[in-house]
Every structure is written in structure tokens, then in C-alpha cells.
Amino acid sequence: LGTLTVEEVYKDRDQFANLVRDIAKPDVGKMGIEILSFTIKDVFDNVDYLSSLGKSQTAAVKRDAEIGVAQANRDAGIREAECEKAAMDIKYSTDTKIEDNSRAFKLQKANFDKEVNSAKAEAQLAYELQAAKIQQRIRNEEIQIQ
């Protein structure tokens, strides 16, 4: 048993049990007793050395878990920011296209309105000219009649 350290006895109970059986078997065999099976219920000490071994491992596991959670939160935050940026880029692009199309529509409408107004003005002037010509003819005929 003296070949194992305290840590090995605490961590590897099967190896410890096998060594106890191998060492005790010849001695109890001389007394006519055969060891068929046995169980080690607990390994403890009076100065809490063994329980202290577990505390450092527990602390390391907790530390690693907290680091893992912090890294996962960081990665999630980064991913969330990337998604928000992508959404804002798409929104900006869409808003730009909407405004460009709206501007193009207004320009096209203004051009159509200009053409329509120009045609209306031309028609009005042509009407007034024609009316003036007719008025002139009537006046000429009145003058000829007198």
C-alpha cells in the first residue's frame, strides 16, 4: 500500500482495492480465509486533506465553466451585433432604392406634366389664334359690306 500516494488512493479506488486484496490474500489465506469480495466504503482523513483535493478541482471546473459562459455570451453578443448590422445595411439599401425609385417617378411625372401642359398651352394658343383669325375675317367682311 505504501507504493500509492494519498491522491492515487483517493482518485483510483479500484487500483487501491486490488492492491489491498493482493497484499491481504496471502495473510488471510494462511488463516484459512479466502477473500471473495470486499468493498471500500470510504477513504477519509482527520485533517481534511482529501476534501481539499476536491476543492481545487471543483474551483478549476467552476472557473472553466464561468470562462466558457463568458466566451459564449461574448460570441453571442458579437453575432447579434453582426446580425443587427446586416439588417441595418439591408434596410438602408432598401430605403435608398425606395427613395431612388420615388425620385425617378416624380421626375418622370414632372416630365409628363410638362409635356401635357405644353400641349394644353399650345392648343389654347392655337384656339386663340384661330379665334382671332375668324374675328379678323368677320371684320374684313364687315368692312367690305360697308
C-alpha atoms as a PDB file:
ATOM      1  CA  LEU A   1       0.000   0.000   0.000  1.00  0.00           C
ATOM      2  CA  GLY A   2       2.944   2.263   0.553  1.00  0.00           C
ATOM      3  CA  THR A   3       3.510   2.474  -3.235  1.00  0.00           C
ATOM      4  CA  LEU A   4       0.444   4.671  -3.770  1.00  0.00           C
ATOM      5  CA  THR A   5       0.268   8.350  -2.982  1.00  0.00           C
ATOM      6  CA  VAL A   6      -2.655   9.730  -0.997  1.00  0.00           C
ATOM      7  CA  GLU A   7      -4.012  11.314  -4.172  1.00  0.00           C
ATOM      8  CA  GLU A   8      -3.880   7.956  -6.028  1.00  0.00           C
ATOM      9  CA  VAL A   9      -5.714   6.180  -3.193  1.00  0.00           C
ATOM     10  CA  TYR A  10      -8.377   8.906  -3.254  1.00  0.00           C
ATOM     11  CA  LYS A  11      -8.785   9.067  -7.035  1.00  0.00           C
ATOM     12  CA  ASP A  12      -8.327   5.417  -8.099  1.00  0.00           C
ATOM     13  CA  ARG A  13     -10.177   3.265  -5.590  1.00  0.00           C
ATOM     14  CA  ASP A  14     -10.198   0.215  -7.856  1.00  0.00           C
ATOM     15  CA  GLN A  15      -6.393   0.144  -8.004  1.00  0.00           C
ATOM     16  CA  PHE A  16      -6.289   0.636  -4.233  1.00  0.00           C
ATOM     17  CA  ALA A  17      -8.784  -2.225  -3.717  1.00  0.00           C
ATOM     18  CA  ASN A  18      -6.748  -4.542  -5.967  1.00  0.00           C
ATOM     19  CA  LEU A  19      -3.559  -3.770  -4.036  1.00  0.00           C
ATOM     20  CA  VAL A  20      -5.324  -4.379  -0.693  1.00  0.00           C
ATOM     21  CA  ARG A  21      -6.625  -7.736  -1.987  1.00  0.00           C
ATOM     22  CA  ASP A  22      -3.208  -8.761  -3.364  1.00  0.00           C
ATOM     23  CA  ILE A  23      -1.464  -7.865  -0.102  1.00  0.00           C
ATOM     24  CA  ALA A  24      -4.101  -9.277   2.254  1.00  0.00           C
ATOM     25  CA  LYS A  25      -4.866 -12.503   0.323  1.00  0.00           C
ATOM     26  CA  PRO A  26      -1.718 -14.448   1.373  1.00  0.00           C
ATOM     27  CA  ASP A  27      -2.008 -13.365   5.017  1.00  0.00           C
ATOM     28  CA  VAL A  28      -5.688 -14.249   5.422  1.00  0.00           C
ATOM     29  CA  GLY A  29      -5.152 -17.361   3.311  1.00  0.00           C
ATOM     30  CA  LYS A  30      -2.721 -18.664   5.961  1.00  0.00           C
ATOM     31  CA  MET A  31      -5.608 -18.357   8.430  1.00  0.00           C
ATOM     32  CA  GLY A  32      -7.846 -20.415   6.131  1.00  0.00           C
ATOM     33  CA  ILE A  33      -9.911 -17.459   4.970  1.00  0.00           C
ATOM     34  CA  GLU A  34     -10.494 -16.737   1.327  1.00  0.00           C
ATOM     35  CA  ILE A  35     -11.390 -13.203   0.163  1.00  0.00           C
ATOM     36  CA  LEU A  36     -14.240 -13.498  -2.314  1.00  0.00           C
ATOM     37  CA  SER A  37     -15.160  -9.849  -2.441  1.00  0.00           C
ATOM     38  CA  PHE A  38     -14.950  -6.688  -0.398  1.00  0.00           C
ATOM     39  CA  THR A  39     -15.942  -3.077  -0.735  1.00  0.00           C
ATOM     40  CA  ILE A  40     -14.117   0.054   0.313  1.00  0.00           C
ATOM     41  CA  LYS A  41     -16.873   2.260   1.669  1.00  0.00           C
ATOM     42  CA  ASP A  42     -14.945   5.464   2.196  1.00  0.00           C
ATOM     43  CA  VAL A  43     -11.481   6.961   2.197  1.00  0.00           C
ATOM     44  CA  PHE A  44     -11.060   9.849   4.637  1.00  0.00           C
ATOM     45  CA  ASP A  45      -8.559  11.587   6.844  1.00  0.00           C
ATOM     46  CA  ASN A  46      -8.752  13.650  10.014  1.00  0.00           C
ATOM     47  CA  VAL A  47      -7.084  16.804   8.637  1.00  0.00           C
ATOM     48  CA  ASP A  48      -9.384  17.312   5.600  1.00  0.00           C
ATOM     49  CA  TYR A  49      -6.541  16.823   3.116  1.00  0.00           C
ATOM     50  CA  LEU A  50      -8.657  14.628   0.829  1.00  0.00           C
ATOM     51  CA  SER A  51     -11.607  17.008   0.809  1.00  0.00           C
ATOM     52  CA  SER A  52      -9.187  19.830  -0.030  1.00  0.00           C
ATOM     53  CA  LEU A  53      -8.065  17.906  -3.116  1.00  0.00           C
ATOM     54  CA  GLY A  54     -11.597  18.044  -4.472  1.00  0.00           C
ATOM     55  CA  LYS A  55     -11.944  21.737  -3.734  1.00  0.00           C
ATOM     56  CA  SER A  56      -9.147  22.748  -6.106  1.00  0.00           C
ATOM     57  CA  GLN A  57     -10.629  20.584  -8.851  1.00  0.00           C
ATOM     58  CA  THR A  58     -14.093  21.981  -8.184  1.00  0.00           C
ATOM     59  CA  ALA A  59     -12.738  25.526  -8.280  1.00  0.00           C
ATOM     60  CA  ALA A  60     -10.960  24.810 -11.575  1.00  0.00           C
ATOM     61  CA  VAL A  61     -14.123  23.324 -13.077  1.00  0.00           C
ATOM     62  CA  LYS A  62     -16.204  26.316 -11.901  1.00  0.00           C
ATOM     63  CA  ARG A  63     -13.606  28.733 -13.282  1.00  0.00           C
ATOM     64  CA  ASP A  64     -13.559  26.942 -16.631  1.00  0.00           C
ATOM     65  CA  ALA A  65     -17.368  26.924 -16.706  1.00  0.00           C
ATOM     66  CA  GLU A  66     -17.520  30.664 -15.977  1.00  0.00           C
ATOM     67  CA  ILE A  67     -14.944  31.324 -18.695  1.00  0.00           C
ATOM     68  CA  GLY A  68     -16.985  29.199 -21.102  1.00  0.00           C
ATOM     69  CA  VAL A  69     -20.172  31.095 -20.262  1.00  0.00           C
ATOM     70  CA  ALA A  70     -18.405  34.449 -20.661  1.00  0.00           C
ATOM     71  CA  GLN A  71     -16.978  33.406 -24.025  1.00  0.00           C
ATOM     72  CA  ALA A  72     -20.373  32.130 -25.191  1.00  0.00           C
ATOM     73  CA  ASN A  73     -22.012  35.404 -24.117  1.00  0.00           C
ATOM     74  CA  ARG A  74     -19.305  37.377 -25.896  1.00  0.00           C
ATOM     75  CA  ASP A  75     -19.695  35.310 -29.067  1.00  0.00           C
ATOM     76  CA  ALA A  76     -23.485  35.672 -28.905  1.00  0.00           C
ATOM     77  CA  GLY A  77     -23.126  39.436 -28.478  1.00  0.00           C
ATOM     78  CA  ILE A  78     -20.777  39.649 -31.440  1.00  0.00           C
ATOM     79  CA  ARG A  79     -23.122  37.548 -33.580  1.00  0.00           C
ATOM     80  CA  GLU A  80     -26.100  39.648 -32.518  1.00  0.00           C
ATOM     81  CA  ALA A  81     -24.245  42.852 -33.428  1.00  0.00           C
ATOM     82  CA  GLU A  82     -23.271  41.365 -36.804  1.00  0.00           C
ATOM     83  CA  CYS A  83     -26.896  40.424 -37.490  1.00  0.00           C
ATOM     84  CA  GLU A  84     -28.115  43.881 -36.477  1.00  0.00           C
ATOM     85  CA  LYS A  85     -25.516  45.470 -38.762  1.00  0.00           C
ATOM     86  CA  ALA A  86     -26.579  43.224 -41.656  1.00  0.00           C
ATOM     87  CA  ALA A  87     -30.235  44.115 -41.025  1.00  0.00           C
ATOM     88  CA  MET A  88     -29.415  47.825 -40.920  1.00  0.00           C
ATOM     89  CA  ASP A  89     -27.374  47.514 -44.137  1.00  0.00           C
ATOM     90  CA  ILE A  90     -30.304  45.824 -45.873  1.00  0.00           C
ATOM     91  CA  LYS A  91     -32.751  48.402 -44.502  1.00  0.00           C
ATOM     92  CA  TYR A  92     -30.501  51.255 -45.667  1.00  0.00           C
ATOM     93  CA  SER A  93     -30.125  49.670 -49.090  1.00  0.00           C
ATOM     94  CA  THR A  94     -33.884  49.146 -49.374  1.00  0.00           C
ATOM     95  CA  ASP A  95     -34.664  52.688 -48.201  1.00  0.00           C
ATOM     96  CA  THR A  96     -32.171  54.040 -50.746  1.00  0.00           C
ATOM     97  CA  LYS A  97     -33.802  52.060 -53.561  1.00  0.00           C
ATOM     98  CA  ILE A  98     -37.252  53.250 -52.483  1.00  0.00           C
ATOM     99  CA  GLU A  99     -36.115  56.869 -52.459  1.00  0.00           C
ATOM    100  CA  ASP A 100     -34.344  56.483 -55.823  1.00  0.00           C
ATOM    101  CA  ASN A 101     -37.469  54.958 -57.373  1.00  0.00           C
ATOM    102  CA  SER A 102     -39.663  57.645 -55.811  1.00  0.00           C
ATOM    103  CA  ARG A 103     -37.400  60.354 -57.186  1.00  0.00           C
ATOM    104  CA  ALA A 104     -37.376  58.737 -60.634  1.00  0.00           C
ATOM    105  CA  PHE A 105     -41.189  58.513 -60.540  1.00  0.00           C
ATOM    106  CA  LYS A 106     -41.546  62.179 -59.559  1.00  0.00           C
ATOM    107  CA  LEU A 107     -39.121  63.258 -62.297  1.00  0.00           C
ATOM    108  CA  GLN A 108     -40.958  61.181 -64.899  1.00  0.00           C
ATOM    109  CA  LYS A 109     -44.316  62.539 -63.717  1.00  0.00           C
ATOM    110  CA  ALA A 110     -42.960  66.102 -63.887  1.00  0.00           C
ATOM    111  CA  ASN A 111     -41.777  65.464 -67.462  1.00  0.00           C
ATOM    112  CA  PHE A 112     -45.195  64.073 -68.420  1.00  0.00           C
ATOM    113  CA  ASP A 113     -46.929  67.014 -66.723  1.00  0.00           C
ATOM    114  CA  LYS A 114     -44.643  69.423 -68.602  1.00  0.00           C
ATOM    115  CA  GLU A 115     -45.475  67.773 -71.925  1.00  0.00           C
ATOM    116  CA  VAL A 116     -49.205  67.783 -71.144  1.00  0.00           C
ATOM    117  CA  ASN A 117     -49.145  71.407 -70.003  1.00  0.00           C
ATOM    118  CA  SER A 118     -47.124  72.389 -73.041  1.00  0.00           C
ATOM    119  CA  ALA A 119     -49.622  70.649 -75.334  1.00  0.00           C
ATOM    120  CA  LYS A 120     -52.528  72.312 -73.486  1.00  0.00           C
ATOM    121  CA  ALA A 121     -50.884  75.724 -73.793  1.00  0.00           C
ATOM    122  CA  GLU A 122     -50.193  75.114 -77.469  1.00  0.00           C
ATOM    123  CA  ALA A 123     -53.788  74.059 -78.009  1.00  0.00           C
ATOM    124  CA  GLN A 124     -55.044  77.129 -76.136  1.00  0.00           C
ATOM    125  CA  LEU A 125     -52.828  79.412 -78.198  1.00  0.00           C
ATOM    126  CA  ALA A 126     -53.906  77.673 -81.400  1.00  0.00           C
ATOM    127  CA  TYR A 127     -57.540  78.149 -80.348  1.00  0.00           C
ATOM    128  CA  GLU A 128     -56.993  81.815 -79.592  1.00  0.00           C
ATOM    129  CA  LEU A 129     -55.135  82.277 -82.882  1.00  0.00           C
ATOM    130  CA  GLN A 130     -57.891  80.572 -84.812  1.00  0.00           C
ATOM    131  CA  ALA A 131     -60.492  82.675 -82.989  1.00  0.00           C
ATOM    132  CA  ALA A 132     -58.515  85.814 -83.826  1.00  0.00           C
ATOM    133  CA  LYS A 133     -58.301  84.760 -87.495  1.00  0.00           C
ATOM    134  CA  ILE A 134     -62.038  84.155 -87.621  1.00  0.00           C
ATOM    135  CA  GLN A 135     -62.624  87.512 -85.907  1.00  0.00           C
ATOM    136  CA  GLN A 136     -60.339  89.137 -88.489  1.00  0.00           C
ATOM    137  CA  ARG A 137     -62.235  87.562 -91.399  1.00  0.00           C
ATOM    138  CA  ILE A 138     -65.540  88.659 -89.948  1.00  0.00           C
ATOM    139  CA  ARG A 139     -64.167  92.194 -89.552  1.00  0.00           C
ATOM    140  CA  ASN A 140     -62.821  92.146 -93.100  1.00  0.00           C
ATOM    141  CA  GLU A 141     -66.194  91.074 -94.422  1.00  0.00           C
ATOM    142  CA  GLU A 142     -67.939  93.737 -92.382  1.00  0.00           C
ATOM    143  CA  ILE A 143     -65.605  96.348 -93.821  1.00  0.00           C
ATOM    144  CA  GLN A 144     -66.252  95.092 -97.349  1.00  0.00           C
ATOM    145  CA  ILE A 145     -70.001  95.236 -96.801  1.00  0.00           C
ATOM    146  CA  GLN A 146     -69.940  98.853 -95.732  1.00  0.00           C
END
